[in-house]
N, C-alpha and C. Protein backbone atom coordinates (compact mmCIF):
# COMPACT_ATOMS: atom_id res chain seq x y z
N MET A 1 1.02 -1.15 -0.13
CA MET A 1 0.04 0.05 0.23
C MET A 1 0.84 1.30 -0.01
N ASP A 2 0.57 2.27 -0.81
CA ASP A 2 1.29 3.47 -0.84
C ASP A 2 1.04 4.29 0.35
N VAL A 3 1.84 5.38 0.62
CA VAL A 3 1.90 6.18 1.85
C VAL A 3 0.47 6.80 1.92
N LEU A 4 -0.07 7.41 1.07
CA LEU A 4 -1.40 7.99 1.05
C LEU A 4 -2.38 7.35 1.68
N GLY A 5 -2.34 5.88 1.36
CA GLY A 5 -3.14 4.88 1.60
C GLY A 5 -3.14 4.49 3.09
N VAL A 6 -1.80 4.41 3.34
CA VAL A 6 -1.52 4.12 4.90
C VAL A 6 -1.99 5.11 5.86
N PHE A 7 -1.71 6.40 5.26
CA PHE A 7 -2.08 7.60 6.05
C PHE A 7 -3.50 7.69 6.15
N GLY A 8 -4.17 7.39 4.99
CA GLY A 8 -5.67 7.31 5.22
C GLY A 8 -6.46 6.42 6.03
N ARG A 9 -5.99 5.15 6.01
CA ARG A 9 -6.36 4.20 6.94
C ARG A 9 -6.14 4.41 8.48
N ALA A 10 -5.12 5.06 8.65
CA ALA A 10 -4.81 5.62 10.05
C ALA A 10 -5.83 6.73 10.38
N ILE A 11 -6.17 7.76 9.59
CA ILE A 11 -7.19 8.62 9.89
C ILE A 11 -8.43 8.22 9.93
N LYS A 12 -8.85 7.02 9.30
CA LYS A 12 -10.29 6.56 9.29
C LYS A 12 -10.34 5.86 10.73
N SER A 13 -9.20 4.95 10.95
CA SER A 13 -9.32 4.23 12.16
C SER A 13 -9.41 5.09 13.42
N LEU A 14 -8.67 6.17 13.58
CA LEU A 14 -8.65 7.19 14.62
C LEU A 14 -10.25 7.71 14.72
N ARG A 15 -10.74 8.14 13.47
CA ARG A 15 -11.95 8.90 13.36
C ARG A 15 -12.89 7.70 13.90
N LEU A 16 -12.91 6.59 13.52
CA LEU A 16 -14.00 5.56 13.97
C LEU A 16 -13.69 5.35 15.40
N GLU A 17 -12.48 5.24 15.93
CA GLU A 17 -12.38 5.17 17.34
C GLU A 17 -12.93 6.19 18.31
N LYS A 18 -12.87 7.26 17.78
CA LYS A 18 -13.23 8.77 18.46
C LYS A 18 -14.80 8.49 18.12
N GLY A 19 -15.46 7.74 17.43
CA GLY A 19 -16.99 7.72 17.23
C GLY A 19 -17.50 8.80 16.28
N LEU A 20 -16.75 9.42 15.38
CA LEU A 20 -16.91 10.58 14.67
C LEU A 20 -17.38 10.02 13.24
N THR A 21 -18.33 10.79 12.64
CA THR A 21 -18.59 10.40 11.27
C THR A 21 -17.55 11.55 10.36
N GLN A 22 -17.58 11.18 9.02
CA GLN A 22 -16.73 11.98 8.29
C GLN A 22 -17.28 13.49 8.32
N GLU A 23 -18.42 13.44 8.41
CA GLU A 23 -19.01 15.05 8.23
C GLU A 23 -18.79 15.68 9.61
N GLU A 24 -18.57 14.81 10.71
CA GLU A 24 -18.46 15.59 11.78
C GLU A 24 -16.71 15.97 12.00
N LEU A 25 -16.08 15.09 11.54
CA LEU A 25 -14.55 15.44 11.50
C LEU A 25 -14.43 16.45 10.40
N ALA A 26 -14.92 16.59 9.43
CA ALA A 26 -14.75 17.70 8.49
C ALA A 26 -15.15 19.06 9.18
N TYR A 27 -16.40 18.90 9.93
CA TYR A 27 -17.00 20.10 10.47
C TYR A 27 -15.71 20.62 11.50
N GLU A 28 -15.29 19.81 12.30
CA GLU A 28 -14.48 20.06 13.23
C GLU A 28 -13.05 20.69 12.69
N CYS A 29 -12.82 20.09 11.52
CA CYS A 29 -11.53 20.78 10.81
C CYS A 29 -11.63 21.96 9.91
N GLN A 30 -13.05 22.29 9.82
CA GLN A 30 -13.30 23.17 8.51
C GLN A 30 -12.73 22.83 7.43
N LEU A 31 -13.03 21.55 6.94
CA LEU A 31 -12.79 21.00 5.67
C LEU A 31 -14.22 20.41 5.18
N HIS A 32 -14.23 20.00 3.95
CA HIS A 32 -15.21 19.49 3.19
C HIS A 32 -15.09 17.87 3.45
N ARG A 33 -16.28 17.36 3.67
CA ARG A 33 -16.53 15.88 3.89
C ARG A 33 -15.80 15.27 2.73
N THR A 34 -15.94 15.53 1.62
CA THR A 34 -15.40 14.95 0.35
C THR A 34 -13.89 14.94 0.45
N TYR A 35 -13.07 15.97 1.03
CA TYR A 35 -11.93 16.03 1.30
C TYR A 35 -11.54 15.02 2.28
N ILE A 36 -12.07 14.86 3.32
CA ILE A 36 -11.93 13.79 4.32
C ILE A 36 -12.13 12.28 3.81
N SER A 37 -12.98 12.04 3.04
CA SER A 37 -13.25 11.00 2.28
C SER A 37 -12.03 10.62 1.31
N GLY A 38 -11.42 11.58 0.65
CA GLY A 38 -10.39 11.44 -0.03
C GLY A 38 -9.06 11.11 0.61
N ILE A 39 -8.87 11.70 1.50
CA ILE A 39 -7.84 11.52 2.49
C ILE A 39 -7.92 10.10 2.98
N GLU A 40 -8.97 9.62 3.50
CA GLU A 40 -9.20 8.19 3.97
C GLU A 40 -9.10 7.08 2.86
N GLN A 41 -9.33 7.50 1.62
CA GLN A 41 -9.47 6.65 0.49
C GLN A 41 -8.02 6.64 0.00
N GLY A 42 -7.14 7.42 0.55
CA GLY A 42 -5.83 7.51 -0.05
C GLY A 42 -5.57 8.30 -1.50
N THR A 43 -6.56 9.04 -1.62
CA THR A 43 -6.41 9.86 -3.05
C THR A 43 -6.07 11.37 -3.01
N ARG A 44 -6.02 11.78 -1.67
CA ARG A 44 -5.65 13.20 -1.29
C ARG A 44 -4.25 13.25 -0.82
N ASN A 45 -3.50 14.17 -1.41
CA ASN A 45 -2.17 14.49 -0.63
C ASN A 45 -2.51 15.65 0.27
N VAL A 46 -2.25 15.29 1.64
CA VAL A 46 -2.51 16.29 2.76
C VAL A 46 -1.58 17.22 3.13
N SER A 47 -2.08 18.52 3.21
CA SER A 47 -1.03 19.61 3.58
C SER A 47 -0.73 19.50 5.15
N LEU A 48 0.42 19.94 5.39
CA LEU A 48 0.81 20.05 6.72
C LEU A 48 -0.19 20.89 7.65
N ILE A 49 -0.62 21.88 7.26
CA ILE A 49 -1.85 22.67 7.76
C ILE A 49 -2.93 21.80 8.19
N ASN A 50 -3.55 20.91 7.11
CA ASN A 50 -4.50 20.04 7.49
C ASN A 50 -4.16 18.79 8.27
N ILE A 51 -2.96 18.63 8.39
CA ILE A 51 -2.68 17.44 9.15
C ILE A 51 -2.85 17.88 10.71
N ILE A 52 -2.30 19.21 10.76
CA ILE A 52 -2.39 19.92 12.17
C ILE A 52 -3.93 20.08 12.51
N LYS A 53 -4.97 20.44 11.65
CA LYS A 53 -6.32 20.71 11.92
C LYS A 53 -6.99 19.21 12.20
N ILE A 54 -6.61 18.14 11.47
CA ILE A 54 -7.13 16.72 11.69
C ILE A 54 -6.70 16.33 12.96
N SER A 55 -5.46 16.51 13.37
CA SER A 55 -4.79 15.91 14.71
C SER A 55 -5.58 16.76 15.92
N LYS A 56 -5.85 18.06 15.68
CA LYS A 56 -6.60 18.60 16.79
C LYS A 56 -7.86 18.21 16.81
N ALA A 57 -8.68 18.07 15.87
CA ALA A 57 -9.96 17.45 15.83
C ALA A 57 -10.13 16.20 16.36
N LEU A 58 -9.02 15.23 16.19
CA LEU A 58 -8.96 13.88 16.74
C LEU A 58 -8.31 13.76 18.11
N LYS A 59 -7.82 15.03 18.58
CA LYS A 59 -7.24 15.22 19.96
C LYS A 59 -6.06 14.24 20.02
N VAL A 60 -5.23 14.32 18.91
CA VAL A 60 -3.87 13.60 19.00
C VAL A 60 -2.78 14.37 18.57
N THR A 61 -1.47 14.28 18.60
CA THR A 61 -0.62 15.25 18.01
C THR A 61 -0.32 14.87 16.66
N PRO A 62 0.26 15.74 15.91
CA PRO A 62 0.67 15.57 14.45
C PRO A 62 1.42 14.05 14.37
N SER A 63 2.57 14.17 15.31
CA SER A 63 3.49 12.91 15.07
C SER A 63 2.76 11.78 15.44
N GLN A 64 1.45 11.78 16.16
CA GLN A 64 0.74 10.51 16.56
C GLN A 64 0.12 10.12 15.16
N LEU A 65 -0.32 11.12 14.58
CA LEU A 65 -0.79 10.80 13.07
C LEU A 65 0.07 10.26 11.90
N LEU A 66 1.17 10.88 12.11
CA LEU A 66 2.15 10.40 11.14
C LEU A 66 3.08 9.34 11.40
N LYS A 67 2.97 8.71 12.62
CA LYS A 67 3.56 7.52 13.22
C LYS A 67 3.33 6.37 12.42
N CYS A 68 2.03 6.43 11.68
CA CYS A 68 1.72 5.12 11.07
C CYS A 68 2.70 4.99 9.85
N LEU A 69 3.62 6.02 9.48
CA LEU A 69 4.16 6.04 8.29
C LEU A 69 5.68 5.54 8.75
N ASP A 70 5.87 5.26 10.05
CA ASP A 70 7.51 4.99 10.35
C ASP A 70 7.78 3.70 9.76
N ASN A 71 7.14 2.72 9.54
CA ASN A 71 7.68 1.30 8.68
C ASN A 71 7.16 1.36 7.52
N THR A 72 6.91 2.38 6.75
CA THR A 72 6.37 2.66 5.16
C THR A 72 7.61 2.31 4.25
N ASP A 73 7.59 1.18 3.49
CA ASP A 73 8.72 1.00 2.54
C ASP A 73 9.07 2.28 1.80
N GLU A 74 10.51 2.51 1.63
CA GLU A 74 10.84 3.74 0.95
C GLU A 74 10.29 3.55 -0.46
N ARG A 75 10.22 2.69 -1.02
CA ARG A 75 10.06 2.40 -2.43
C ARG A 75 8.69 2.85 -3.05
N VAL A 76 7.60 3.09 -1.96
CA VAL A 76 6.38 3.35 -2.26
C VAL A 76 6.10 4.91 -2.13
N ILE A 77 7.15 5.75 -1.73
CA ILE A 77 7.20 7.09 -1.76
C ILE A 77 7.46 7.71 -2.94
């Protein structure tokens, strides 16, 4: 799986763990629901600003969000 897919799965997992819908997460981040959907599907490349918005909405640090990428194979970047 590529980096965007791994990151998207991590976002979705945390969102579900927190009991949020995509709509609720999008509202908290001041982003559009379809943008959140694209992130979770691994089709959107997320900016640093939006990573910070998402981490705040999910009540985790940005580094915790990016932790999922620690073991990503460099060949998929």
